[in-house]
Amino acid sequence: MMTMKRLRTLGPLSALVALLAAAPATAAIHVVAPGETLTSVATVDGLSVAQLAAANGLPTTAELLAGQTLVIPPQSGGSVWSDTNSATTVPTSVDEGSYVVQPGDTLTAIAERAGTTVASLAAANDLNPDRYLLVGTVLTLDGVAAAPSAEPASGAPTGLPPYPTPEVVSAGEVGSIAEANDVPASLADAIGWQESGFNNDLVSPTGATGVMQIEPATWSWIQSSLADGALAPASAHDNVVGGVLLLHQLLSDTGGNSALAAAGYYQGLASVQQSGEYPSTQSYVNDVLALQRGDFGGP
């Protein structure tokens, strides 16, 4: 599902040059020492945890790695940093047809300001929402679909059609599809139950759909890279197939490590490898591993 949906800035060290170019001249660089946390670094530099996290495109709960590079934002006037994880002063407004990514920006915040959706903005700019958004990236806003202007009626499906079918699958059905694609049945069952309780008629606030709760951008990648466009997104069976194909790829990329594959399914493998597992990811993985060992309680 890759549910860490907000595309955050300043991930790889290779983005540091771009970040420094966009940052105010008074910004400083701090190399994380063993044992340091966002709280300890923020305290020493007279910042709030929210300010420091926003300046570096991190969640306030992020765990720092020794050797990681942080930007320490200026503390006085002229700062582009804010407590809301988005830039407050930008060189290009979102209504000019393009936007230059600022430190602390997220794809979600940019989409909200532009009056569009994360899925539309990512698609228009050929972005993967589970990867880092680099400071200085120029996003096009021309031709991006506007967000729906009204809330759907209670009980109405959300997102764009085709809508997921109101089906509930069994652990056996998920397991059979997994085994046919060289994925441990227990892992696929655990993730299917953790994500949706095997309920295909489920759409998350970020647009993840179906039994395996697959994000729109992830669906596009699965269709083009793993399934040759052969899957029907609304189908419970094909939704499970899509999730299983993603798991197969994650297991391949992690040397068969189920725990790391589950973390990549939730947070995005590139994010896990770059920043480590977020606390919510660790909880997700623990739940999945527990489900692998026990009873799903499902049909």
C-alpha atoms as a PDB file:
ATOM      1  CA  MET A   1       0.000   0.000   0.000  1.00  0.00           C
ATOM      2  CA  MET A   2       2.898   2.341   0.729  1.00  0.00           C
ATOM      3  CA  THR A   3       0.867   4.532   2.997  1.00  0.00           C
ATOM      4  CA  MET A   4       3.498   7.066   3.899  1.00  0.00           C
ATOM      5  CA  LYS A   5       1.937   9.201   1.233  1.00  0.00           C
ATOM      6  CA  ARG A   6       3.323  12.611   1.787  1.00  0.00           C
ATOM      7  CA  LEU A   7       6.205  13.187  -0.567  1.00  0.00           C
ATOM      8  CA  ARG A   8       8.802  14.869   1.621  1.00  0.00           C
ATOM      9  CA  THR A   9      11.802  16.992   0.754  1.00  0.00           C
ATOM     10  CA  LEU A  10      15.468  16.569   1.559  1.00  0.00           C
ATOM     11  CA  GLY A  11      16.048  12.883   1.619  1.00  0.00           C
ATOM     12  CA  PRO A  12      19.292  11.841  -0.114  1.00  0.00           C
ATOM     13  CA  LEU A  13      22.533  13.661   0.566  1.00  0.00           C
ATOM     14  CA  SER A  14      22.721  14.287  -3.163  1.00  0.00           C
ATOM     15  CA  ALA A  15      19.896  16.799  -2.647  1.00  0.00           C
ATOM     16  CA  LEU A  16      22.053  18.843  -0.275  1.00  0.00           C
ATOM     17  CA  VAL A  17      23.512  21.112  -2.958  1.00  0.00           C
ATOM     18  CA  ALA A  18      20.049  21.930  -4.268  1.00  0.00           C
ATOM     19  CA  LEU A  19      18.816  22.539  -0.752  1.00  0.00           C
ATOM     20  CA  LEU A  20      21.642  24.901   0.101  1.00  0.00           C
ATOM     21  CA  ALA A  21      21.003  26.830  -3.086  1.00  0.00           C
ATOM     22  CA  ALA A  22      17.369  27.336  -2.088  1.00  0.00           C
ATOM     23  CA  ALA A  23      17.990  27.949   1.625  1.00  0.00           C
ATOM     24  CA  PRO A  24      18.577  31.397   3.160  1.00  0.00           C
ATOM     25  CA  ALA A  25      22.219  32.407   3.478  1.00  0.00           C
ATOM     26  CA  THR A  26      22.079  32.146   7.276  1.00  0.00           C
ATOM     27  CA  ALA A  27      21.021  28.493   7.258  1.00  0.00           C
ATOM     28  CA  ALA A  28      23.563  26.112   8.830  1.00  0.00           C
ATOM     29  CA  ILE A  29      24.401  22.447   8.342  1.00  0.00           C
ATOM     30  CA  HIS A  30      24.510  19.937  11.199  1.00  0.00           C
ATOM     31  CA  VAL A  31      25.847  16.385  10.962  1.00  0.00           C
ATOM     32  CA  VAL A  32      23.952  14.099  13.331  1.00  0.00           C
ATOM     33  CA  ALA A  33      26.065  12.500  16.051  1.00  0.00           C
ATOM     34  CA  PRO A  34      25.262   9.089  17.597  1.00  0.00           C
ATOM     35  CA  GLY A  35      22.408   9.359  20.054  1.00  0.00           C
ATOM     36  CA  GLU A  36      21.093  12.703  18.834  1.00  0.00           C
ATOM     37  CA  THR A  37      17.383  13.217  18.233  1.00  0.00           C
ATOM     38  CA  LEU A  38      15.280  15.886  16.582  1.00  0.00           C
ATOM     39  CA  THR A  39      14.439  17.140  20.067  1.00  0.00           C
ATOM     40  CA  SER A  40      18.056  17.416  21.212  1.00  0.00           C
ATOM     41  CA  VAL A  41      19.237  19.128  18.028  1.00  0.00           C
ATOM     42  CA  ALA A  42      16.277  21.517  18.014  1.00  0.00           C
ATOM     43  CA  THR A  43      16.872  22.425  21.675  1.00  0.00           C
ATOM     44  CA  VAL A  44      20.539  23.249  21.121  1.00  0.00           C
ATOM     45  CA  ASP A  45      19.718  25.440  18.127  1.00  0.00           C
ATOM     46  CA  GLY A  46      16.784  27.234  19.737  1.00  0.00           C
ATOM     47  CA  LEU A  47      14.147  25.720  17.457  1.00  0.00           C
ATOM     48  CA  SER A  48      10.968  23.775  17.968  1.00  0.00           C
ATOM     49  CA  VAL A  49      10.933  20.156  16.851  1.00  0.00           C
ATOM     50  CA  ALA A  50       8.268  21.099  14.295  1.00  0.00           C
ATOM     51  CA  GLN A  51      10.481  23.827  12.796  1.00  0.00           C
ATOM     52  CA  LEU A  52      13.499  21.549  12.501  1.00  0.00           C
ATOM     53  CA  ALA A  53      11.444  18.690  11.082  1.00  0.00           C
ATOM     54  CA  ALA A  54       9.733  20.970   8.538  1.00  0.00           C
ATOM     55  CA  ALA A  55      13.043  22.447   7.420  1.00  0.00           C
ATOM     56  CA  ASN A  56      14.294  18.992   6.575  1.00  0.00           C
ATOM     57  CA  GLY A  57      11.110  17.440   5.223  1.00  0.00           C
ATOM     58  CA  LEU A  58      10.854  14.996   8.122  1.00  0.00           C
ATOM     59  CA  PRO A  59       7.980  13.925  10.366  1.00  0.00           C
ATOM     60  CA  THR A  60       8.327  15.151  13.935  1.00  0.00           C
ATOM     61  CA  THR A  61       8.598  11.508  15.025  1.00  0.00           C
ATOM     62  CA  ALA A  62      11.525  10.723  12.706  1.00  0.00           C
ATOM     63  CA  GLU A  63      14.494   8.925  14.211  1.00  0.00           C
ATOM     64  CA  LEU A  64      17.841  10.386  13.187  1.00  0.00           C
ATOM     65  CA  LEU A  65      20.753   8.336  11.889  1.00  0.00           C
ATOM     66  CA  ALA A  66      24.370   9.064  12.829  1.00  0.00           C
ATOM     67  CA  GLY A  67      26.012  10.898   9.940  1.00  0.00           C
ATOM     68  CA  GLN A  68      22.711  12.237   8.606  1.00  0.00           C
ATOM     69  CA  THR A  69      22.888  15.864   7.451  1.00  0.00           C
ATOM     70  CA  LEU A  70      20.340  18.370   8.761  1.00  0.00           C
ATOM     71  CA  VAL A  71      19.730  21.941   7.681  1.00  0.00           C
ATOM     72  CA  ILE A  72      19.382  24.307  10.647  1.00  0.00           C
ATOM     73  CA  PRO A  73      17.064  27.125   9.517  1.00  0.00           C
ATOM     74  CA  PRO A  74      17.547  30.759  10.526  1.00  0.00           C
ATOM     75  CA  GLN A  75      15.586  31.857  13.564  1.00  0.00           C
ATOM     76  CA  SER A  76      14.722  35.435  12.601  1.00  0.00           C
ATOM     77  CA  GLY A  77      12.962  37.402   9.883  1.00  0.00           C
ATOM     78  CA  GLY A  78      13.077  36.318   6.290  1.00  0.00           C
ATOM     79  CA  SER A  79      12.868  32.627   7.043  1.00  0.00           C
ATOM     80  CA  VAL A  80      11.058  30.380   4.610  1.00  0.00           C
ATOM     81  CA  TRP A  81      10.522  27.694   7.247  1.00  0.00           C
ATOM     82  CA  SER A  82       7.279  27.130   9.093  1.00  0.00           C
ATOM     83  CA  ASP A  83       5.731  24.864  11.703  1.00  0.00           C
ATOM     84  CA  THR A  84       3.247  23.505   9.179  1.00  0.00           C
ATOM     85  CA  ASN A  85       5.699  21.440   7.090  1.00  0.00           C
ATOM     86  CA  SER A  86       5.417  23.757   4.117  1.00  0.00           C
ATOM     87  CA  ALA A  87       7.226  26.857   2.919  1.00  0.00           C
ATOM     88  CA  THR A  88       5.584  30.182   3.751  1.00  0.00           C
ATOM     89  CA  THR A  89       7.549  32.283   1.255  1.00  0.00           C
ATOM     90  CA  VAL A  90       8.129  30.916  -2.233  1.00  0.00           C
ATOM     91  CA  PRO A  91       9.632  32.359  -5.410  1.00  0.00           C
ATOM     92  CA  THR A  92       6.922  30.913  -7.624  1.00  0.00           C
ATOM     93  CA  SER A  93       3.254  30.868  -6.632  1.00  0.00           C
ATOM     94  CA  VAL A  94       1.077  27.849  -7.309  1.00  0.00           C
ATOM     95  CA  ASP A  95      -1.174  29.806  -9.663  1.00  0.00           C
ATOM     96  CA  GLU A  96       1.515  30.657 -12.226  1.00  0.00           C
ATOM     97  CA  GLY A  97       1.476  27.297 -13.990  1.00  0.00           C
ATOM     98  CA  SER A  98       4.554  25.976 -12.209  1.00  0.00           C
ATOM     99  CA  TYR A  99       5.996  25.759  -8.722  1.00  0.00           C
ATOM    100  CA  VAL A 100       9.545  25.433  -7.382  1.00  0.00           C
ATOM    101  CA  VAL A 101       9.740  22.998  -4.459  1.00  0.00           C
ATOM    102  CA  GLN A 102      10.862  24.633  -1.219  1.00  0.00           C
ATOM    103  CA  PRO A 103      12.474  23.109   1.882  1.00  0.00           C
ATOM    104  CA  GLY A 104       9.794  21.447   3.999  1.00  0.00           C
ATOM    105  CA  ASP A 105       7.268  21.173   1.168  1.00  0.00           C
ATOM    106  CA  THR A 106       5.163  18.075   0.722  1.00  0.00           C
ATOM    107  CA  LEU A 107       3.270  16.973  -2.348  1.00  0.00           C
ATOM    108  CA  THR A 108       0.102  17.018  -0.250  1.00  0.00           C
ATOM    109  CA  ALA A 109       0.574  20.643   0.808  1.00  0.00           C
ATOM    110  CA  ILE A 110       1.415  21.761  -2.733  1.00  0.00           C
ATOM    111  CA  ALA A 111      -1.628  19.943  -4.131  1.00  0.00           C
ATOM    112  CA  GLU A 112      -3.895  21.589  -1.539  1.00  0.00           C
ATOM    113  CA  ARG A 113      -2.592  25.063  -2.373  1.00  0.00           C
ATOM    114  CA  ALA A 114      -2.977  24.379  -6.090  1.00  0.00           C
ATOM    115  CA  GLY A 115      -6.540  23.095  -5.637  1.00  0.00           C
ATOM    116  CA  THR A 116      -5.759  19.648  -7.010  1.00  0.00           C
ATOM    117  CA  THR A 117      -5.149  16.138  -5.694  1.00  0.00           C
ATOM    118  CA  VAL A 118      -1.902  14.394  -4.835  1.00  0.00           C
ATOM    119  CA  ALA A 119      -2.615  11.736  -7.467  1.00  0.00           C
ATOM    120  CA  SER A 120      -3.213  14.325 -10.210  1.00  0.00           C
ATOM    121  CA  LEU A 121      -0.145  16.374  -9.310  1.00  0.00           C
ATOM    122  CA  ALA A 122       2.076  13.278  -9.144  1.00  0.00           C
ATOM    123  CA  ALA A 123       0.781  11.976 -12.466  1.00  0.00           C
ATOM    124  CA  ALA A 124       1.234  15.330 -14.223  1.00  0.00           C
ATOM    125  CA  ASN A 125       4.852  15.473 -13.110  1.00  0.00           C
ATOM    126  CA  ASP A 126       5.685  11.772 -13.477  1.00  0.00           C
ATOM    127  CA  LEU A 127       6.400  11.484  -9.748  1.00  0.00           C
ATOM    128  CA  ASN A 128       6.249   8.529  -7.399  1.00  0.00           C
ATOM    129  CA  PRO A 129       4.537   9.729  -4.171  1.00  0.00           C
ATOM    130  CA  ASP A 130       6.614   7.232  -2.185  1.00  0.00           C
ATOM    131  CA  ARG A 131       9.917   8.839  -3.168  1.00  0.00           C
ATOM    132  CA  TYR A 132      11.580  12.022  -1.990  1.00  0.00           C
ATOM    133  CA  LEU A 133      10.692  15.363  -3.536  1.00  0.00           C
ATOM    134  CA  LEU A 134      13.913  17.324  -4.042  1.00  0.00           C
ATOM    135  CA  VAL A 135      14.194  20.993  -3.204  1.00  0.00           C
ATOM    136  CA  GLY A 136      14.422  23.052  -6.386  1.00  0.00           C
ATOM    137  CA  THR A 137      12.297  20.657  -8.446  1.00  0.00           C
ATOM    138  CA  VAL A 138      10.013  22.568 -10.814  1.00  0.00           C
ATOM    139  CA  LEU A 139       6.498  21.139 -10.820  1.00  0.00           C
ATOM    140  CA  THR A 140       4.120  21.833 -13.659  1.00  0.00           C
ATOM    141  CA  LEU A 141       0.576  22.771 -12.713  1.00  0.00           C
ATOM    142  CA  ASP A 142      -0.733  23.197 -16.253  1.00  0.00           C
ATOM    143  CA  GLY A 143      -3.407  20.669 -17.112  1.00  0.00           C
ATOM    144  CA  VAL A 144      -3.569  19.231 -13.595  1.00  0.00           C
ATOM    145  CA  ALA A 145      -7.100  18.133 -12.734  1.00  0.00           C
ATOM    146  CA  ALA A 146      -8.884  20.179 -10.088  1.00  0.00           C
ATOM    147  CA  ALA A 147      -9.859  18.545  -6.822  1.00  0.00           C
ATOM    148  CA  PRO A 148     -13.559  17.684  -6.412  1.00  0.00           C
ATOM    149  CA  SER A 149     -15.444  20.745  -5.206  1.00  0.00           C
ATOM    150  CA  ALA A 150     -17.972  18.916  -3.061  1.00  0.00           C
ATOM    151  CA  GLU A 151     -17.876  16.125  -0.520  1.00  0.00           C
ATOM    152  CA  PRO A 152     -19.411  12.861  -1.716  1.00  0.00           C
ATOM    153  CA  ALA A 153     -22.696  11.846  -0.196  1.00  0.00           C
ATOM    154  CA  SER A 154     -22.530   9.554   2.821  1.00  0.00           C
ATOM    155  CA  GLY A 155     -21.750   6.036   1.718  1.00  0.00           C
ATOM    156  CA  ALA A 156     -20.814   7.115  -1.809  1.00  0.00           C
ATOM    157  CA  PRO A 157     -17.506   5.866  -3.201  1.00  0.00           C
ATOM    158  CA  THR A 158     -14.582   8.272  -3.191  1.00  0.00           C
ATOM    159  CA  GLY A 159     -11.897   8.884  -5.785  1.00  0.00           C
ATOM    160  CA  LEU A 160     -12.266   8.203  -9.489  1.00  0.00           C
ATOM    161  CA  PRO A 161     -14.056   5.274 -11.122  1.00  0.00           C
ATOM    162  CA  PRO A 162     -13.904   2.358 -11.558  1.00  0.00           C
ATOM    163  CA  TYR A 163     -14.824   1.920  -7.913  1.00  0.00           C
ATOM    164  CA  PRO A 164     -13.765  -1.201  -5.997  1.00  0.00           C
ATOM    165  CA  THR A 165     -16.337  -3.981  -6.042  1.00  0.00           C
ATOM    166  CA  PRO A 166     -18.085  -4.779  -2.730  1.00  0.00           C
ATOM    167  CA  GLU A 167     -16.390  -8.145  -2.268  1.00  0.00           C
ATOM    168  CA  VAL A 168     -14.797  -9.845   0.717  1.00  0.00           C
ATOM    169  CA  VAL A 169     -12.139 -12.422  -0.086  1.00  0.00           C
ATOM    170  CA  SER A 170     -10.807 -15.212   2.111  1.00  0.00           C
ATOM    171  CA  ALA A 171      -7.346 -15.844   3.487  1.00  0.00           C
ATOM    172  CA  GLY A 172      -7.270 -18.941   1.311  1.00  0.00           C
ATOM    173  CA  GLU A 173      -7.929 -16.937  -1.846  1.00  0.00           C
ATOM    174  CA  VAL A 174      -5.194 -14.450  -1.013  1.00  0.00           C
ATOM    175  CA  GLY A 175      -2.825 -17.254  -0.098  1.00  0.00           C
ATOM    176  CA  SER A 176      -3.441 -19.118  -3.347  1.00  0.00           C
ATOM    177  CA  ILE A 177      -2.645 -16.053  -5.427  1.00  0.00           C
ATOM    178  CA  ALA A 178       0.483 -15.475  -3.331  1.00  0.00           C
ATOM    179  CA  GLU A 179       1.742 -19.038  -3.725  1.00  0.00           C
ATOM    180  CA  ALA A 180       1.173 -18.878  -7.488  1.00  0.00           C
ATOM    181  CA  ASN A 181       3.510 -15.875  -7.583  1.00  0.00           C
ATOM    182  CA  ASP A 182       6.220 -17.243  -5.252  1.00  0.00           C
ATOM    183  CA  VAL A 183       5.180 -15.076  -2.312  1.00  0.00           C
ATOM    184  CA  PRO A 184       4.675 -16.653   1.143  1.00  0.00           C
ATOM    185  CA  ALA A 185       0.940 -17.083   1.651  1.00  0.00           C
ATOM    186  CA  SER A 186       1.268 -16.073   5.287  1.00  0.00           C
ATOM    187  CA  LEU A 187       2.850 -12.730   4.373  1.00  0.00           C
ATOM    188  CA  ALA A 188       0.244 -11.847   1.743  1.00  0.00           C
ATOM    189  CA  ASP A 189      -2.565 -12.934   4.089  1.00  0.00           C
ATOM    190  CA  ALA A 190      -1.135 -10.846   6.913  1.00  0.00           C
ATOM    191  CA  ILE A 191      -0.870  -7.714   4.790  1.00  0.00           C
ATOM    192  CA  GLY A 192      -4.306  -8.228   3.222  1.00  0.00           C
ATOM    193  CA  TRP A 193      -5.894  -8.544   6.649  1.00  0.00           C
ATOM    194  CA  GLN A 194      -3.881  -5.664   8.135  1.00  0.00           C
ATOM    195  CA  GLU A 195      -4.758  -3.366   5.244  1.00  0.00           C
ATOM    196  CA  SER A 196      -8.459  -4.023   4.792  1.00  0.00           C
ATOM    197  CA  GLY A 197      -9.689  -7.079   6.671  1.00  0.00           C
ATOM    198  CA  PHE A 198      -9.908  -8.691   3.188  1.00  0.00           C
ATOM    199  CA  ASN A 199     -12.532  -6.092   2.231  1.00  0.00           C
ATOM    200  CA  ASN A 200     -12.259  -4.884  -1.361  1.00  0.00           C
ATOM    201  CA  ASP A 201     -14.861  -2.125  -0.948  1.00  0.00           C
ATOM    202  CA  LEU A 202     -12.461   0.166   0.886  1.00  0.00           C
ATOM    203  CA  VAL A 203     -10.928   3.460  -0.226  1.00  0.00           C
ATOM    204  CA  SER A 204      -8.521   5.364   2.014  1.00  0.00           C
ATOM    205  CA  PRO A 205      -8.451   9.186   2.308  1.00  0.00           C
ATOM    206  CA  THR A 206      -5.371   9.177   0.049  1.00  0.00           C
ATOM    207  CA  GLY A 207      -7.050   7.032  -2.618  1.00  0.00           C
ATOM    208  CA  ALA A 208      -5.588   3.619  -1.750  1.00  0.00           C
ATOM    209  CA  THR A 209      -8.091   0.984  -2.858  1.00  0.00           C
ATOM    210  CA  GLY A 210      -9.154  -2.585  -2.399  1.00  0.00           C
ATOM    211  CA  VAL A 211      -8.062  -5.581  -0.393  1.00  0.00           C
ATOM    212  CA  MET A 212      -4.373  -4.677  -0.578  1.00  0.00           C
ATOM    213  CA  GLN A 213      -4.966  -0.885  -0.326  1.00  0.00           C
ATOM    214  CA  ILE A 214      -2.894   0.140  -3.337  1.00  0.00           C
ATOM    215  CA  GLU A 215      -2.256   3.831  -3.990  1.00  0.00           C
ATOM    216  CA  PRO A 216      -3.105   5.252  -7.459  1.00  0.00           C
ATOM    217  CA  ALA A 217       0.531   5.984  -8.334  1.00  0.00           C
ATOM    218  CA  THR A 218       1.582   2.552  -7.103  1.00  0.00           C
ATOM    219  CA  TRP A 219      -1.176   0.987  -9.235  1.00  0.00           C
ATOM    220  CA  SER A 220       0.210   2.776 -12.273  1.00  0.00           C
ATOM    221  CA  TRP A 221       3.693   1.462 -11.578  1.00  0.00           C
ATOM    222  CA  ILE A 222       2.445  -2.094 -10.994  1.00  0.00           C
ATOM    223  CA  GLN A 223       0.446  -2.001 -14.215  1.00  0.00           C
ATOM    224  CA  SER A 224       3.336  -0.696 -16.311  1.00  0.00           C
ATOM    225  CA  SER A 225       6.236  -2.523 -14.671  1.00  0.00           C
ATOM    226  CA  LEU A 226       4.869  -5.776 -13.275  1.00  0.00           C
ATOM    227  CA  ALA A 227       1.542  -6.612 -14.939  1.00  0.00           C
ATOM    228  CA  ASP A 228       1.740  -5.232 -18.486  1.00  0.00           C
ATOM    229  CA  GLY A 229      -1.496  -3.320 -17.888  1.00  0.00           C
ATOM    230  CA  ALA A 230      -3.486  -6.520 -17.553  1.00  0.00           C
ATOM    231  CA  LEU A 231      -5.103  -5.895 -14.152  1.00  0.00           C
ATOM    232  CA  ALA A 232      -8.577  -4.453 -13.495  1.00  0.00           C
ATOM    233  CA  PRO A 233      -8.210  -2.039 -10.538  1.00  0.00           C
ATOM    234  CA  ALA A 234     -11.808  -2.525  -9.346  1.00  0.00           C
ATOM    235  CA  SER A 235     -11.574  -6.313  -9.159  1.00  0.00           C
ATOM    236  CA  ALA A 236     -10.883  -7.902  -5.779  1.00  0.00           C
ATOM    237  CA  HIS A 237      -8.947 -10.727  -7.430  1.00  0.00           C
ATOM    238  CA  ASP A 238      -6.809  -8.352  -9.494  1.00  0.00           C
ATOM    239  CA  ASN A 239      -6.266  -6.052  -6.534  1.00  0.00           C
ATOM    240  CA  VAL A 240      -4.821  -8.997  -4.626  1.00  0.00           C
ATOM    241  CA  VAL A 241      -2.709  -9.931  -7.644  1.00  0.00           C
ATOM    242  CA  GLY A 242      -1.375  -6.372  -7.811  1.00  0.00           C
ATOM    243  CA  GLY A 243      -0.466  -6.362  -4.128  1.00  0.00           C
ATOM    244  CA  VAL A 244       1.152  -9.786  -4.421  1.00  0.00           C
ATOM    245  CA  LEU A 245       3.218  -8.702  -7.437  1.00  0.00           C
ATOM    246  CA  LEU A 246       4.403  -5.703  -5.439  1.00  0.00           C
ATOM    247  CA  LEU A 247       5.311  -7.970  -2.522  1.00  0.00           C
ATOM    248  CA  HIS A 248       7.198 -10.286  -4.877  1.00  0.00           C
ATOM    249  CA  GLN A 249       9.237  -7.329  -6.123  1.00  0.00           C
ATOM    250  CA  LEU A 250       9.884  -6.085  -2.581  1.00  0.00           C
ATOM    251  CA  LEU A 251      11.021  -9.540  -1.462  1.00  0.00           C
ATOM    252  CA  SER A 252      13.342  -9.694  -4.448  1.00  0.00           C
ATOM    253  CA  ASP A 253      14.753  -6.265  -3.651  1.00  0.00           C
ATOM    254  CA  THR A 254      15.305  -7.136   0.035  1.00  0.00           C
ATOM    255  CA  GLY A 255      16.789 -10.595  -0.394  1.00  0.00           C
ATOM    256  CA  GLY A 256      13.639 -12.310   0.836  1.00  0.00           C
ATOM    257  CA  ASN A 257      13.416 -10.333   4.080  1.00  0.00           C
ATOM    258  CA  SER A 258       9.697 -10.406   4.941  1.00  0.00           C
ATOM    259  CA  ALA A 259       9.947  -7.729   7.639  1.00  0.00           C
ATOM    260  CA  LEU A 260      11.776  -5.316   5.349  1.00  0.00           C
ATOM    261  CA  ALA A 261       9.386  -6.094   2.485  1.00  0.00           C
ATOM    262  CA  ALA A 262       6.426  -5.286   4.756  1.00  0.00           C
ATOM    263  CA  ALA A 263       8.100  -2.029   5.778  1.00  0.00           C
ATOM    264  CA  GLY A 264       8.604  -1.174   2.103  1.00  0.00           C
ATOM    265  CA  TYR A 265       4.973  -2.005   1.346  1.00  0.00           C
ATOM    266  CA  TYR A 266       3.822   0.476   3.977  1.00  0.00           C
ATOM    267  CA  GLN A 267       6.397   3.282   3.809  1.00  0.00           C
ATOM    268  CA  GLY A 268       8.032   2.767   0.431  1.00  0.00           C
ATOM    269  CA  LEU A 269      11.288   0.848   0.191  1.00  0.00           C
ATOM    270  CA  ALA A 270      13.343   3.810  -1.013  1.00  0.00           C
ATOM    271  CA  SER A 271      12.197   5.807   2.014  1.00  0.00           C
ATOM    272  CA  VAL A 272      13.003   2.941   4.383  1.00  0.00           C
ATOM    273  CA  GLN A 273      16.470   2.529   2.910  1.00  0.00           C
ATOM    274  CA  GLN A 274      17.168   6.256   3.054  1.00  0.00           C
ATOM    275  CA  SER A 275      15.603   7.291   6.361  1.00  0.00           C
ATOM    276  CA  GLY A 276      14.979   4.060   8.231  1.00  0.00           C
ATOM    277  CA  GLU A 277      11.600   2.905   9.455  1.00  0.00           C
ATOM    278  CA  TYR A 278       9.306   5.498  10.975  1.00  0.00           C
ATOM    279  CA  PRO A 279       7.635   4.559  14.284  1.00  0.00           C
ATOM    280  CA  SER A 280       4.323   3.973  12.512  1.00  0.00           C
ATOM    281  CA  THR A 281       6.105   1.675  10.054  1.00  0.00           C
ATOM    282  CA  GLN A 282       7.653  -0.298  12.895  1.00  0.00           C
ATOM    283  CA  SER A 283       4.196  -0.763  14.434  1.00  0.00           C
ATOM    284  CA  TYR A 284       2.819  -1.861  11.069  1.00  0.00           C
ATOM    285  CA  VAL A 285       5.604  -4.406  10.578  1.00  0.00           C
ATOM    286  CA  ASN A 286       5.138  -5.771  14.098  1.00  0.00           C
ATOM    287  CA  ASP A 287       1.423  -6.227  13.427  1.00  0.00           C
ATOM    288  CA  VAL A 288       2.081  -7.967  10.108  1.00  0.00           C
ATOM    289  CA  LEU A 289       4.627 -10.326  11.657  1.00  0.00           C
ATOM    290  CA  ALA A 290       2.224 -11.122  14.495  1.00  0.00           C
ATOM    291  CA  LEU A 291      -0.523 -11.866  11.987  1.00  0.00           C
ATOM    292  CA  GLN A 292       1.834 -14.187  10.123  1.00  0.00           C
ATOM    293  CA  ARG A 293       2.221 -16.205  13.280  1.00  0.00           C
ATOM    294  CA  GLY A 294      -1.423 -16.240  14.320  1.00  0.00           C
ATOM    295  CA  ASP A 295      -5.052 -16.317  13.293  1.00  0.00           C
ATOM    296  CA  PHE A 296      -6.447 -13.597  11.049  1.00  0.00           C
ATOM    297  CA  GLY A 297      -9.924 -13.875  12.445  1.00  0.00           C
ATOM    298  CA  GLY A 298     -11.193 -13.345   8.924  1.00  0.00           C
ATOM    299  CA  PRO A 299     -13.285 -15.432   6.529  1.00  0.00           C
END
